[in-house]
């Protein structure tokens, strides 16, 4: 399958991506799309961490298939990733992230609570080269990236208390198109990192209002 990644060679430097082991923590709406997109751009070592099973409400919002019902999300996602890339190494961990959990040098945080984000950041902040956090509610997304001294200082400022988190109705928390866009923004920051370009530290997009704000970079 020579040439599989030839059309993106100028955007995704193969030597740099070959040095990366990507960890996706949480393979729900955004995390599943991140895993698929990482596979599509040529990541060679992928780690998926999630304890959850596929339920019926995950089909529409997270892009799982009917045949995936009741399977572990990490198993269903890893299966599809392997179909996309013949030489991909996938490691799955069907458990919650723990402080002692080993991760790759590039981490994509796709969990659904501020408490979990704090726990993950405190555990790995000094161990990874690239860290990207996704947040989403209905048609609003936020992508925060930490990969240098300035952005690593900025990121903890975004970790407000769980009590301050927006509490919308469950039926309005997730849309697959917003999740796809969020994953795309995460991958865009990752490819900037691979090309040693400045990343956008904090991106916020409101799809309904067609508004976008990019923070310090």
Protein backbone atom coordinates (compact mmCIF):
# COMPACT_ATOMS: atom_id res chain seq x y z
CA UNK A 1 0.00 0.00 0.00
CA UNK A 2 2.80 2.38 -0.95
CA UNK A 3 1.54 5.89 -1.42
CA UNK A 4 -1.31 5.61 1.10
CA UNK A 5 -0.35 8.95 2.63
CA UNK A 6 1.27 10.58 -0.41
CA UNK A 7 -1.39 13.26 -0.93
CA UNK A 8 -0.85 14.68 2.55
CA UNK A 9 2.94 14.38 2.65
CA UNK A 10 3.47 18.15 2.62
CA UNK A 11 1.03 18.63 5.49
CA UNK A 12 1.77 15.62 7.68
CA UNK A 13 5.53 14.98 7.81
CA UNK A 14 5.90 11.20 7.97
CA UNK A 15 9.18 11.20 9.88
CA UNK A 16 7.70 13.34 12.64
CA UNK A 17 4.45 11.39 12.93
CA UNK A 18 6.40 8.14 13.08
CA UNK A 19 7.97 9.43 16.30
CA UNK A 20 4.53 9.82 17.88
CA UNK A 21 2.51 7.41 19.95
CA UNK A 22 -0.96 8.90 20.21
CA UNK A 23 -3.21 8.26 23.19
CA UNK A 24 -6.93 9.06 22.97
CA UNK A 25 -8.60 9.18 26.36
CA UNK A 26 -12.34 8.75 25.87
CA UNK A 27 -13.67 7.37 22.58
CA UNK A 28 -17.12 8.90 22.63
CA UNK A 29 -18.41 11.50 20.16
CA UNK A 30 -15.14 13.39 19.68
CA UNK A 31 -12.61 10.75 20.73
CA UNK A 32 -13.86 8.18 18.24
CA UNK A 33 -13.49 10.68 15.40
CA UNK A 34 -10.02 11.68 16.64
CA UNK A 35 -8.93 8.02 16.59
CA UNK A 36 -10.22 7.54 13.03
CA UNK A 37 -8.63 10.75 11.78
CA UNK A 38 -5.29 9.95 13.45
CA UNK A 39 -5.36 6.60 11.69
CA UNK A 40 -6.20 8.26 8.38
CA UNK A 41 -3.25 10.66 8.57
CA UNK A 42 -0.78 7.85 9.27
CA UNK A 43 -0.26 7.45 13.00
CA UNK A 44 1.51 4.13 13.47
CA UNK A 45 0.91 3.56 17.21
CA UNK A 46 -2.46 4.34 18.74
CA UNK A 47 -3.67 3.82 22.30
CA UNK A 48 -7.40 3.99 23.15
CA UNK A 49 -8.61 4.37 26.73
CA UNK A 50 -12.29 4.10 27.70
CA UNK A 51 -14.29 1.92 30.08
CA UNK A 52 -17.69 2.39 28.44
CA UNK A 53 -19.85 0.18 26.22
CA UNK A 54 -21.81 1.20 23.12
CA UNK A 55 -25.44 1.97 23.92
CA UNK A 56 -28.31 2.82 21.61
CA UNK A 57 -28.02 6.57 22.17
CA UNK A 58 -24.38 6.42 21.01
CA UNK A 59 -25.31 5.40 17.46
CA UNK A 60 -26.53 8.80 16.27
CA UNK A 61 -24.21 11.06 18.25
CA UNK A 62 -20.97 9.06 18.25
CA UNK A 63 -21.03 7.28 14.90
CA UNK A 64 -21.08 3.71 16.17
CA UNK A 65 -22.81 0.98 14.18
CA UNK A 66 -25.77 -1.17 15.16
CA UNK A 67 -23.46 -4.19 15.19
CA UNK A 68 -21.37 -2.44 17.87
CA UNK A 69 -24.19 -2.45 20.42
CA UNK A 70 -23.02 -3.60 23.87
CA UNK A 71 -19.39 -3.87 22.74
CA UNK A 72 -16.62 -1.96 24.45
CA UNK A 73 -16.08 1.33 22.66
CA UNK A 74 -12.33 0.74 22.54
CA UNK A 75 -12.85 -2.60 20.80
CA UNK A 76 -15.33 -1.27 18.24
CA UNK A 77 -13.15 1.75 17.45
CA UNK A 78 -9.89 -0.19 17.25
CA UNK A 79 -11.49 -2.66 14.84
CA UNK A 80 -12.45 0.12 12.45
CA UNK A 81 -9.02 1.78 12.75
CA UNK A 82 -7.32 -1.49 11.82
CA UNK A 83 -9.48 -1.71 8.70
CA UNK A 84 -8.21 1.73 7.67
CA UNK A 85 -4.48 1.09 8.12
CA UNK A 86 -2.90 -2.28 7.52
CA UNK A 87 0.22 -1.70 9.67
CA UNK A 88 -1.35 0.20 12.58
CA UNK A 89 -0.51 -0.92 16.10
CA UNK A 90 -3.50 -0.37 18.40
CA UNK A 91 -3.42 -0.76 22.15
CA UNK A 92 -6.75 -0.75 24.00
CA UNK A 93 -7.39 -0.20 27.67
CA UNK A 94 -10.97 -0.89 28.76
CA UNK A 95 -10.73 1.03 32.01
CA UNK A 96 -10.81 4.50 33.47
CA UNK A 97 -7.62 6.53 33.20
CA UNK A 98 -5.53 6.25 36.34
CA UNK A 99 -2.56 8.30 37.49
CA UNK A 100 -0.33 5.29 36.86
CA UNK A 101 -1.68 4.60 33.36
CA UNK A 102 1.16 4.76 30.81
CA UNK A 103 0.41 7.00 27.82
CA UNK A 104 2.02 8.02 24.56
CA UNK A 105 3.94 11.23 23.94
CA UNK A 106 0.89 12.84 22.29
CA UNK A 107 -2.39 12.81 24.22
CA UNK A 108 -5.88 13.73 23.04
CA UNK A 109 -8.18 14.29 26.01
CA UNK A 110 -11.80 13.64 25.03
CA UNK A 111 -13.50 13.15 28.38
CA UNK A 112 -16.73 14.73 29.56
CA UNK A 113 -15.93 16.31 32.93
CA UNK A 114 -13.62 19.00 34.27
CA UNK A 115 -12.75 16.75 37.20
CA UNK A 116 -11.45 14.07 34.84
CA UNK A 117 -9.48 16.66 32.86
CA UNK A 118 -7.78 17.93 36.02
CA UNK A 119 -6.90 14.38 37.03
CA UNK A 120 -5.44 13.59 33.61
CA UNK A 121 -3.48 16.84 33.33
CA UNK A 122 -1.91 16.50 36.77
CA UNK A 123 -0.86 12.94 35.96
CA UNK A 124 0.72 13.52 32.54
CA UNK A 125 1.61 17.21 32.19
CA UNK A 126 5.34 16.53 32.57
CA UNK A 127 5.35 13.33 30.51
CA UNK A 128 3.94 14.34 27.11
CA UNK A 129 5.09 16.54 24.25
CA UNK A 130 1.64 17.38 22.90
CA UNK A 131 -1.66 17.62 24.78
CA UNK A 132 -5.01 18.58 23.27
CA UNK A 133 -8.30 18.86 25.16
CA UNK A 134 -11.76 18.91 23.55
CA UNK A 135 -14.96 20.29 25.04
CA UNK A 136 -18.39 20.33 23.45
CA UNK A 137 -22.00 21.13 24.23
CA UNK A 138 -24.57 20.80 21.45
CA UNK A 139 -23.21 23.09 18.70
CA UNK A 140 -20.46 24.80 20.69
CA UNK A 141 -16.92 23.43 20.81
CA UNK A 142 -13.66 24.40 22.44
CA UNK A 143 -10.20 23.01 21.68
CA UNK A 144 -7.30 23.81 24.05
CA UNK A 145 -3.75 22.75 23.19
CA UNK A 146 -0.64 22.61 25.38
CA UNK A 147 2.69 21.83 23.74
CA UNK A 148 5.12 24.56 24.84
CA UNK A 149 5.89 26.51 28.00
CA UNK A 150 3.38 29.30 27.31
CA UNK A 151 0.46 27.01 26.46
CA UNK A 152 1.29 24.68 29.36
CA UNK A 153 1.00 27.66 31.70
CA UNK A 154 -2.28 28.71 30.10
CA UNK A 155 -4.06 25.35 30.13
CA UNK A 156 -4.55 25.00 33.94
CA UNK A 157 -6.37 28.35 33.91
CA UNK A 158 -9.15 26.70 31.89
CA UNK A 159 -9.78 24.02 34.51
CA UNK A 160 -12.61 25.64 36.45
CA UNK A 161 -14.55 23.74 39.10
CA UNK A 162 -17.12 21.13 38.09
CA UNK A 163 -19.82 23.26 39.74
CA UNK A 164 -19.09 26.03 37.22
CA UNK A 165 -19.52 23.73 34.22
CA UNK A 166 -22.43 24.41 31.90
CA UNK A 167 -25.32 22.08 32.69
CA UNK A 168 -27.50 21.67 29.61
CA UNK A 169 -30.12 18.99 29.01
CA UNK A 170 -28.68 15.60 28.10
CA UNK A 171 -30.50 15.59 24.78
CA UNK A 172 -28.67 18.78 23.73
CA UNK A 173 -25.12 17.88 24.72
CA UNK A 174 -23.88 16.18 21.58
CA UNK A 175 -24.18 16.31 17.82
CA UNK A 176 -22.02 14.18 15.53
CA UNK A 177 -21.28 17.03 13.12
CA UNK A 178 -19.97 19.21 15.94
CA UNK A 179 -17.90 16.27 17.19
CA UNK A 180 -16.41 15.78 13.72
CA UNK A 181 -15.49 19.44 13.49
CA UNK A 182 -13.97 19.39 16.97
CA UNK A 183 -11.87 16.37 16.05
CA UNK A 184 -10.76 18.15 12.89
CA UNK A 185 -9.58 21.15 14.89
CA UNK A 186 -7.64 18.83 17.23
CA UNK A 187 -5.94 17.16 14.26
CA UNK A 188 -5.20 20.57 12.71
CA UNK A 189 -3.33 21.60 15.87
CA UNK A 190 -1.52 18.26 15.89
CA UNK A 191 -0.31 18.67 12.32
CA UNK A 192 0.88 22.20 13.15
CA UNK A 193 2.86 20.68 16.00
CA UNK A 194 4.31 18.09 13.63
CA UNK A 195 5.42 20.86 11.26
CA UNK A 196 6.86 22.86 14.17
CA UNK A 197 4.41 25.69 13.54
CA UNK A 198 2.71 27.81 16.24
CA UNK A 199 -0.48 26.20 17.50
CA UNK A 200 -3.67 28.00 18.49
CA UNK A 201 -3.80 27.58 22.25
CA UNK A 202 -7.55 28.07 22.66
CA UNK A 203 -10.16 27.80 19.89
CA UNK A 204 -13.87 28.34 20.53
CA UNK A 205 -16.53 27.85 17.87
CA UNK A 206 -20.29 28.37 18.01
CA UNK A 207 -21.74 26.67 14.95
CA UNK A 208 -25.26 27.97 15.49
CA UNK A 209 -24.13 31.59 15.65
CA UNK A 210 -21.35 31.00 13.09
CA UNK A 211 -18.80 32.54 15.47
CA UNK A 212 -15.18 31.58 16.05
CA UNK A 213 -12.56 32.90 18.44
CA UNK A 214 -8.93 31.80 18.55
CA UNK A 215 -7.08 32.64 21.74
CA UNK A 216 -3.37 33.21 22.34
CA UNK A 217 -1.04 31.36 20.02
